[in-house]
Amino acid sequence: MSLLDTSIARLDGTPATLGELTGGKPALIVNVASKCGLTPQYTGLEQLQKEYGDRGFTVLGVPCNQFMGQEPGSSEEIAEFCSTTYGVSFPLTEKIEVNGEGRHPLYAVLTEAPDAEGKAGDVQWNFEKVLITADGAVAGRFRPTTDPHDPALVAAIEAQLA
């Protein structure tokens, strides 16, 4: 089974697979939260979506409430916040767990990928980013404080679009 076959519902609860959500495009999967000090990264993530969306790329937001309860809202509240506050146009999934016993199967795979320093394992905090290829392979992992326009992240995205 490919990573793209992993079931994960859309934010509105309708069933989907990762491949359906990413449209078979390279994607930046980001665990997001509405009440985090890093929440302003939504601006940069939306800019990436606008800059690269027409070239066959998407950002995929994955709400998670595991880090100090920083994503407490319902699906409707999350959708409203993202749309109204940041103009988010990229897809969002259902709220899931990214670490621990309740870890979603998607993150069971994504957390096996090492970052630039060679460290794999649990997601450190909200806004950790994992770049996947169009066929679902992990192409890079970027820790939470990595700005969406960090040169290494942008270069990794552009390499997937070449």
C-alpha atoms as a PDB file:
ATOM      1  CA  MET A   1       0.000   0.000   0.000  1.00  0.00           C
ATOM      2  CA  SER A   2       1.245   3.469  -0.922  1.00  0.00           C
ATOM      3  CA  LEU A   3       1.232   6.364   1.520  1.00  0.00           C
ATOM      4  CA  LEU A   4      -1.212   7.993  -0.908  1.00  0.00           C
ATOM      5  CA  ASP A   5      -3.728   5.205  -0.161  1.00  0.00           C
ATOM      6  CA  THR A   6      -3.866   6.191   3.532  1.00  0.00           C
ATOM      7  CA  SER A   7      -7.403   7.086   4.581  1.00  0.00           C
ATOM      8  CA  ILE A   8      -7.811  10.496   6.179  1.00  0.00           C
ATOM      9  CA  ALA A   9     -11.044  12.468   6.184  1.00  0.00           C
ATOM     10  CA  ARG A  10     -11.392  16.008   4.959  1.00  0.00           C
ATOM     11  CA  LEU A  11     -12.016  18.712   7.572  1.00  0.00           C
ATOM     12  CA  ASP A  12     -15.757  18.459   6.875  1.00  0.00           C
ATOM     13  CA  GLY A  13     -15.627  14.744   7.738  1.00  0.00           C
ATOM     14  CA  THR A  14     -16.049  13.354   4.240  1.00  0.00           C
ATOM     15  CA  PRO A  15     -13.856  10.305   3.583  1.00  0.00           C
ATOM     16  CA  ALA A  16     -10.722  10.695   1.480  1.00  0.00           C
ATOM     17  CA  THR A  17      -7.278   9.297   0.923  1.00  0.00           C
ATOM     18  CA  LEU A  18      -4.057  11.248   1.097  1.00  0.00           C
ATOM     19  CA  GLY A  19      -3.797  10.913  -2.692  1.00  0.00           C
ATOM     20  CA  GLU A  20      -7.238  12.431  -3.169  1.00  0.00           C
ATOM     21  CA  LEU A  21      -6.382  15.344  -0.877  1.00  0.00           C
ATOM     22  CA  THR A  22      -3.061  16.049  -2.589  1.00  0.00           C
ATOM     23  CA  GLY A  23      -4.398  15.423  -6.081  1.00  0.00           C
ATOM     24  CA  GLY A  24      -1.412  13.223  -6.836  1.00  0.00           C
ATOM     25  CA  LYS A  25       0.833  16.288  -6.593  1.00  0.00           C
ATOM     26  CA  PRO A  26       3.889  16.933  -4.480  1.00  0.00           C
ATOM     27  CA  ALA A  27       2.587  18.216  -1.162  1.00  0.00           C
ATOM     28  CA  LEU A  28       3.773  19.881   2.010  1.00  0.00           C
ATOM     29  CA  ILE A  29       1.948  18.199   4.897  1.00  0.00           C
ATOM     30  CA  VAL A  30       1.818  20.447   7.967  1.00  0.00           C
ATOM     31  CA  ASN A  31       0.274  19.752  11.380  1.00  0.00           C
ATOM     32  CA  VAL A  32      -1.484  23.020  12.126  1.00  0.00           C
ATOM     33  CA  ALA A  33      -3.074  24.753  15.110  1.00  0.00           C
ATOM     34  CA  SER A  34      -5.086  27.955  15.501  1.00  0.00           C
ATOM     35  CA  LYS A  35      -3.811  29.107  18.901  1.00  0.00           C
ATOM     36  CA  CYS A  36      -0.050  28.571  18.621  1.00  0.00           C
ATOM     37  CA  GLY A  37       2.783  31.056  18.576  1.00  0.00           C
ATOM     38  CA  LEU A  38       3.624  29.631  15.144  1.00  0.00           C
ATOM     39  CA  THR A  39       0.074  30.085  13.790  1.00  0.00           C
ATOM     40  CA  PRO A  40       1.164  33.126  11.700  1.00  0.00           C
ATOM     41  CA  GLN A  41       2.972  30.571   9.498  1.00  0.00           C
ATOM     42  CA  TYR A  42      -0.447  30.104   7.856  1.00  0.00           C
ATOM     43  CA  THR A  43       0.384  33.297   5.926  1.00  0.00           C
ATOM     44  CA  GLY A  44       3.549  31.786   4.461  1.00  0.00           C
ATOM     45  CA  LEU A  45       1.876  28.439   3.797  1.00  0.00           C
ATOM     46  CA  GLU A  46      -0.905  30.179   1.866  1.00  0.00           C
ATOM     47  CA  GLN A  47       1.741  32.107  -0.089  1.00  0.00           C
ATOM     48  CA  LEU A  48       3.399  28.795  -1.020  1.00  0.00           C
ATOM     49  CA  GLN A  49       0.017  27.497  -2.178  1.00  0.00           C
ATOM     50  CA  LYS A  50      -0.492  30.576  -4.355  1.00  0.00           C
ATOM     51  CA  GLU A  51       3.080  30.564  -5.704  1.00  0.00           C
ATOM     52  CA  TYR A  52       3.295  26.862  -6.549  1.00  0.00           C
ATOM     53  CA  GLY A  53      -0.300  25.614  -6.803  1.00  0.00           C
ATOM     54  CA  ASP A  54      -0.480  26.201 -10.556  1.00  0.00           C
ATOM     55  CA  ARG A  55       2.756  24.236 -10.993  1.00  0.00           C
ATOM     56  CA  GLY A  56       1.338  21.061  -9.493  1.00  0.00           C
ATOM     57  CA  PHE A  57       1.919  21.502  -5.755  1.00  0.00           C
ATOM     58  CA  THR A  58      -0.312  21.720  -2.710  1.00  0.00           C
ATOM     59  CA  VAL A  59      -0.060  22.432   0.968  1.00  0.00           C
ATOM     60  CA  LEU A  60      -2.119  20.090   3.157  1.00  0.00           C
ATOM     61  CA  GLY A  61      -3.035  21.303   6.638  1.00  0.00           C
ATOM     62  CA  VAL A  62      -3.551  18.643   9.306  1.00  0.00           C
ATOM     63  CA  PRO A  63      -5.136  20.081  12.464  1.00  0.00           C
ATOM     64  CA  CYS A  64      -3.817  18.610  15.704  1.00  0.00           C
ATOM     65  CA  ASN A  65      -4.660  19.419  19.330  1.00  0.00           C
ATOM     66  CA  GLN A  66      -1.835  17.436  20.981  1.00  0.00           C
ATOM     67  CA  PHE A  67       0.444  20.360  21.790  1.00  0.00           C
ATOM     68  CA  MET A  68      -0.885  22.261  24.816  1.00  0.00           C
ATOM     69  CA  GLY A  69      -4.434  22.143  23.429  1.00  0.00           C
ATOM     70  CA  GLN A  70      -3.634  24.739  20.768  1.00  0.00           C
ATOM     71  CA  GLU A  71      -6.248  23.459  18.288  1.00  0.00           C
ATOM     72  CA  PRO A  72      -9.345  23.136  20.489  1.00  0.00           C
ATOM     73  CA  GLY A  73     -11.932  24.115  17.887  1.00  0.00           C
ATOM     74  CA  SER A  74     -14.511  22.058  16.041  1.00  0.00           C
ATOM     75  CA  SER A  75     -14.084  21.413  12.339  1.00  0.00           C
ATOM     76  CA  GLU A  76     -16.384  24.333  11.605  1.00  0.00           C
ATOM     77  CA  GLU A  77     -14.436  26.663  13.899  1.00  0.00           C
ATOM     78  CA  ILE A  78     -11.118  25.598  12.345  1.00  0.00           C
ATOM     79  CA  ALA A  79     -12.470  26.168   8.823  1.00  0.00           C
ATOM     80  CA  GLU A  80     -13.848  29.592   9.773  1.00  0.00           C
ATOM     81  CA  PHE A  81     -10.609  30.653  11.488  1.00  0.00           C
ATOM     82  CA  CYS A  82      -8.396  29.555   8.588  1.00  0.00           C
ATOM     83  CA  SER A  83     -10.615  31.147   5.959  1.00  0.00           C
ATOM     84  CA  THR A  84     -11.339  34.421   7.742  1.00  0.00           C
ATOM     85  CA  THR A  85      -7.987  35.050   9.414  1.00  0.00           C
ATOM     86  CA  TYR A  86      -5.534  33.723   6.822  1.00  0.00           C
ATOM     87  CA  GLY A  87      -7.528  33.222   3.610  1.00  0.00           C
ATOM     88  CA  VAL A  88      -6.474  29.576   3.519  1.00  0.00           C
ATOM     89  CA  SER A  89      -7.301  27.977   0.171  1.00  0.00           C
ATOM     90  CA  PHE A  90      -5.360  24.725   0.580  1.00  0.00           C
ATOM     91  CA  PRO A  91      -7.086  21.565   1.812  1.00  0.00           C
ATOM     92  CA  LEU A  92      -7.386  20.696   5.498  1.00  0.00           C
ATOM     93  CA  THR A  93      -7.952  17.267   6.997  1.00  0.00           C
ATOM     94  CA  GLU A  94      -9.882  16.114  10.007  1.00  0.00           C
ATOM     95  CA  LYS A  95      -8.237  16.815  13.378  1.00  0.00           C
ATOM     96  CA  ILE A  96      -5.909  13.914  14.224  1.00  0.00           C
ATOM     97  CA  GLU A  97      -3.155  12.852  16.622  1.00  0.00           C
ATOM     98  CA  VAL A  98       0.379  12.908  15.240  1.00  0.00           C
ATOM     99  CA  ASN A  99       2.174  11.301  18.218  1.00  0.00           C
ATOM    100  CA  GLY A 100       1.535   8.586  20.781  1.00  0.00           C
ATOM    101  CA  GLU A 101      -0.733   5.554  20.891  1.00  0.00           C
ATOM    102  CA  GLY A 102      -3.493   7.334  18.962  1.00  0.00           C
ATOM    103  CA  ARG A 103      -1.113   8.452  16.204  1.00  0.00           C
ATOM    104  CA  HIS A 104      -2.861   8.492  12.825  1.00  0.00           C
ATOM    105  CA  PRO A 105      -1.472   5.939  10.315  1.00  0.00           C
ATOM    106  CA  LEU A 106      -0.309   8.822   8.086  1.00  0.00           C
ATOM    107  CA  TYR A 107       1.994  10.072  10.831  1.00  0.00           C
ATOM    108  CA  ALA A 108       3.120   6.545  11.686  1.00  0.00           C
ATOM    109  CA  VAL A 109       4.897   6.739   8.320  1.00  0.00           C
ATOM    110  CA  LEU A 110       5.814  10.435   8.272  1.00  0.00           C
ATOM    111  CA  THR A 111       7.535  10.319  11.674  1.00  0.00           C
ATOM    112  CA  GLU A 112       9.880   7.603  10.373  1.00  0.00           C
ATOM    113  CA  ALA A 113      11.427  10.187   8.034  1.00  0.00           C
ATOM    114  CA  PRO A 114      14.515  11.997   9.296  1.00  0.00           C
ATOM    115  CA  ASP A 115      14.984  15.759   9.217  1.00  0.00           C
ATOM    116  CA  ALA A 116      18.083  17.482   7.766  1.00  0.00           C
ATOM    117  CA  GLU A 117      20.041  16.524  10.897  1.00  0.00           C
ATOM    118  CA  GLY A 118      19.123  12.853  10.479  1.00  0.00           C
ATOM    119  CA  LYS A 119      16.636  12.788  13.368  1.00  0.00           C
ATOM    120  CA  ALA A 120      13.389  10.874  12.924  1.00  0.00           C
ATOM    121  CA  GLY A 121      10.708  10.290  15.551  1.00  0.00           C
ATOM    122  CA  ASP A 122       7.839  12.198  17.082  1.00  0.00           C
ATOM    123  CA  VAL A 123       6.572  15.492  15.756  1.00  0.00           C
ATOM    124  CA  GLN A 124       8.143  18.176  17.958  1.00  0.00           C
ATOM    125  CA  TRP A 125       5.365  20.790  17.851  1.00  0.00           C
ATOM    126  CA  ASN A 126       2.717  22.407  15.670  1.00  0.00           C
ATOM    127  CA  PHE A 127       3.732  23.404  12.150  1.00  0.00           C
ATOM    128  CA  GLU A 128       6.206  20.614  11.514  1.00  0.00           C
ATOM    129  CA  LYS A 129       6.400  20.153   7.742  1.00  0.00           C
ATOM    130  CA  VAL A 130       6.889  17.015   5.651  1.00  0.00           C
ATOM    131  CA  LEU A 131       7.338  17.290   1.892  1.00  0.00           C
ATOM    132  CA  ILE A 132       6.134  14.313  -0.124  1.00  0.00           C
ATOM    133  CA  THR A 133       6.623  13.540  -3.794  1.00  0.00           C
ATOM    134  CA  ALA A 134       3.763  13.078  -6.251  1.00  0.00           C
ATOM    135  CA  ASP A 135       4.020   9.304  -5.704  1.00  0.00           C
ATOM    136  CA  GLY A 136       3.928   9.635  -1.898  1.00  0.00           C
ATOM    137  CA  ALA A 137       7.595   9.242  -0.960  1.00  0.00           C
ATOM    138  CA  VAL A 138       8.957  11.538   1.749  1.00  0.00           C
ATOM    139  CA  ALA A 139      11.264  14.121   0.168  1.00  0.00           C
ATOM    140  CA  GLY A 140      12.101  16.159   3.260  1.00  0.00           C
ATOM    141  CA  ARG A 141      11.163  16.927   6.832  1.00  0.00           C
ATOM    142  CA  PHE A 142      11.331  20.403   8.313  1.00  0.00           C
ATOM    143  CA  ARG A 143      10.915  21.196  11.985  1.00  0.00           C
ATOM    144  CA  PRO A 144       8.236  23.581  13.332  1.00  0.00           C
ATOM    145  CA  THR A 145      10.274  26.785  13.434  1.00  0.00           C
ATOM    146  CA  THR A 146      11.294  26.420   9.774  1.00  0.00           C
ATOM    147  CA  ASP A 147       9.699  29.363   7.992  1.00  0.00           C
ATOM    148  CA  PRO A 148       7.591  28.374   4.968  1.00  0.00           C
ATOM    149  CA  HIS A 149       9.941  30.458   2.793  1.00  0.00           C
ATOM    150  CA  ASP A 150      13.155  29.032   4.253  1.00  0.00           C
ATOM    151  CA  PRO A 151      15.567  28.611   1.306  1.00  0.00           C
ATOM    152  CA  ALA A 152      16.078  24.883   1.976  1.00  0.00           C
ATOM    153  CA  LEU A 153      12.326  24.250   2.057  1.00  0.00           C
ATOM    154  CA  VAL A 154      11.680  26.298  -1.087  1.00  0.00           C
ATOM    155  CA  ALA A 155      14.526  24.507  -2.901  1.00  0.00           C
ATOM    156  CA  ALA A 156      13.068  21.122  -1.887  1.00  0.00           C
ATOM    157  CA  ILE A 157       9.633  22.134  -3.204  1.00  0.00           C
ATOM    158  CA  GLU A 158      11.085  23.434  -6.461  1.00  0.00           C
ATOM    159  CA  ALA A 159      13.056  20.203  -6.909  1.00  0.00           C
ATOM    160  CA  GLN A 160       9.740  18.324  -6.883  1.00  0.00           C
ATOM    161  CA  LEU A 161       8.345  20.593  -9.587  1.00  0.00           C
ATOM    162  CA  ALA A 162      11.316  20.478 -11.952  1.00  0.00           C
END
